[in-house]
Amino acid sequence: MAELNCLVCKSEIEVEERATTGEIVECDSCGQEHEVQVESHLVTIALAPEIEETWGE
C-alpha cells in the first residue's frame, strides 16, 4: 500500500500498490478526487479531471 498526500489538504491517501494508471482515489478528508499514475512501479497521483456534461452531444 502506497501512502501519498492529498494535493489539496495534504491528508494521507492510501493507494493500493496494484493500482493502475487512470484509477480514481478520493481523499477521505476533503473529498478531492485524484487520478493514479503508475510508471516503472512508482505510484503517484494528480488531480482528477473534472467530468463535463455533454448535454446530448
C-alpha atoms as a PDB file:
ATOM      1  CA  MET A   1       0.000   0.000   0.000  1.00  0.00           C
ATOM      2  CA  ALA A   2       1.410   3.379  -1.011  1.00  0.00           C
ATOM      3  CA  GLU A   3       0.696   6.335   1.248  1.00  0.00           C
ATOM      4  CA  LEU A   4       0.561   9.624  -0.613  1.00  0.00           C
ATOM      5  CA  ASN A   5      -0.613  13.090   0.408  1.00  0.00           C
ATOM      6  CA  CYS A   6      -3.721  14.811  -0.933  1.00  0.00           C
ATOM      7  CA  LEU A   7      -2.740  17.596  -3.311  1.00  0.00           C
ATOM      8  CA  VAL A   8      -5.374  19.883  -1.766  1.00  0.00           C
ATOM      9  CA  CYS A   9      -5.435  19.345   2.010  1.00  0.00           C
ATOM     10  CA  LYS A  10      -2.233  17.257   2.467  1.00  0.00           C
ATOM     11  CA  SER A  11      -4.047  14.432   4.331  1.00  0.00           C
ATOM     12  CA  GLU A  12      -2.787  10.901   3.736  1.00  0.00           C
ATOM     13  CA  ILE A  13      -4.361   8.904   0.920  1.00  0.00           C
ATOM     14  CA  GLU A  14      -3.777   5.161   0.767  1.00  0.00           C
ATOM     15  CA  VAL A  15      -3.363   3.763  -2.728  1.00  0.00           C
ATOM     16  CA  GLU A  16      -3.208   0.022  -3.410  1.00  0.00           C
ATOM     17  CA  GLU A  17       0.191  -0.969  -4.816  1.00  0.00           C
ATOM     18  CA  ARG A  18      -1.585  -2.910  -7.563  1.00  0.00           C
ATOM     19  CA  ALA A  19      -3.481   0.239  -8.628  1.00  0.00           C
ATOM     20  CA  THR A  20      -3.417   1.028 -12.329  1.00  0.00           C
ATOM     21  CA  THR A  21      -2.968   4.275 -14.228  1.00  0.00           C
ATOM     22  CA  GLY A  22      -6.254   6.144 -14.554  1.00  0.00           C
ATOM     23  CA  GLU A  23      -7.798   4.724 -11.387  1.00  0.00           C
ATOM     24  CA  ILE A  24      -9.561   7.357  -9.259  1.00  0.00           C
ATOM     25  CA  VAL A  25      -8.990   7.618  -5.494  1.00  0.00           C
ATOM     26  CA  GLU A  26     -10.761  10.067  -3.198  1.00  0.00           C
ATOM     27  CA  CYS A  27      -9.361  11.913  -0.183  1.00  0.00           C
ATOM     28  CA  ASP A  28     -11.337  10.909   2.914  1.00  0.00           C
ATOM     29  CA  SER A  29     -10.759  14.340   4.487  1.00  0.00           C
ATOM     30  CA  CYS A  30     -11.748  16.815   1.776  1.00  0.00           C
ATOM     31  CA  GLY A  31     -13.348  14.639  -0.921  1.00  0.00           C
ATOM     32  CA  GLN A  32     -10.963  15.688  -3.712  1.00  0.00           C
ATOM     33  CA  GLU A  33     -10.603  13.038  -6.395  1.00  0.00           C
ATOM     34  CA  HIS A  34      -7.119  12.112  -7.608  1.00  0.00           C
ATOM     35  CA  GLU A  35      -6.056  10.101 -10.638  1.00  0.00           C
ATOM     36  CA  VAL A  36      -3.458   7.395 -10.032  1.00  0.00           C
ATOM     37  CA  GLN A  37      -0.434   7.333 -12.327  1.00  0.00           C
ATOM     38  CA  VAL A  38       1.916   4.359 -12.358  1.00  0.00           C
ATOM     39  CA  GLU A  39       5.269   4.452 -14.136  1.00  0.00           C
ATOM     40  CA  SER A  40       8.065   1.933 -13.571  1.00  0.00           C
ATOM     41  CA  HIS A  41       6.469   0.716 -10.307  1.00  0.00           C
ATOM     42  CA  LEU A  42       6.339   4.324  -8.994  1.00  0.00           C
ATOM     43  CA  VAL A  43       2.828   5.286  -7.894  1.00  0.00           C
ATOM     44  CA  THR A  44       1.901   8.988  -7.954  1.00  0.00           C
ATOM     45  CA  ILE A  45      -1.351  10.955  -8.008  1.00  0.00           C
ATOM     46  CA  ALA A  46      -2.586  14.012  -9.880  1.00  0.00           C
ATOM     47  CA  LEU A  47      -5.799  15.982  -9.547  1.00  0.00           C
ATOM     48  CA  ALA A  48      -8.537  14.103 -11.366  1.00  0.00           C
ATOM     49  CA  PRO A  49     -10.007  15.883 -14.391  1.00  0.00           C
ATOM     50  CA  GLU A  50     -13.493  17.280 -13.998  1.00  0.00           C
ATOM     51  CA  ILE A  51     -16.134  15.342 -15.889  1.00  0.00           C
ATOM     52  CA  GLU A  52     -18.154  17.689 -18.047  1.00  0.00           C
ATOM     53  CA  GLU A  53     -21.746  17.237 -19.164  1.00  0.00           C
ATOM     54  CA  THR A  54     -22.185  16.587 -22.884  1.00  0.00           C
ATOM     55  CA  TRP A  55     -25.855  17.656 -22.905  1.00  0.00           C
ATOM     56  CA  GLY A  56     -26.831  15.185 -25.599  1.00  0.00           C
ATOM     57  CA  GLU A  57     -23.818  15.507 -27.868  1.00  0.00           C
END
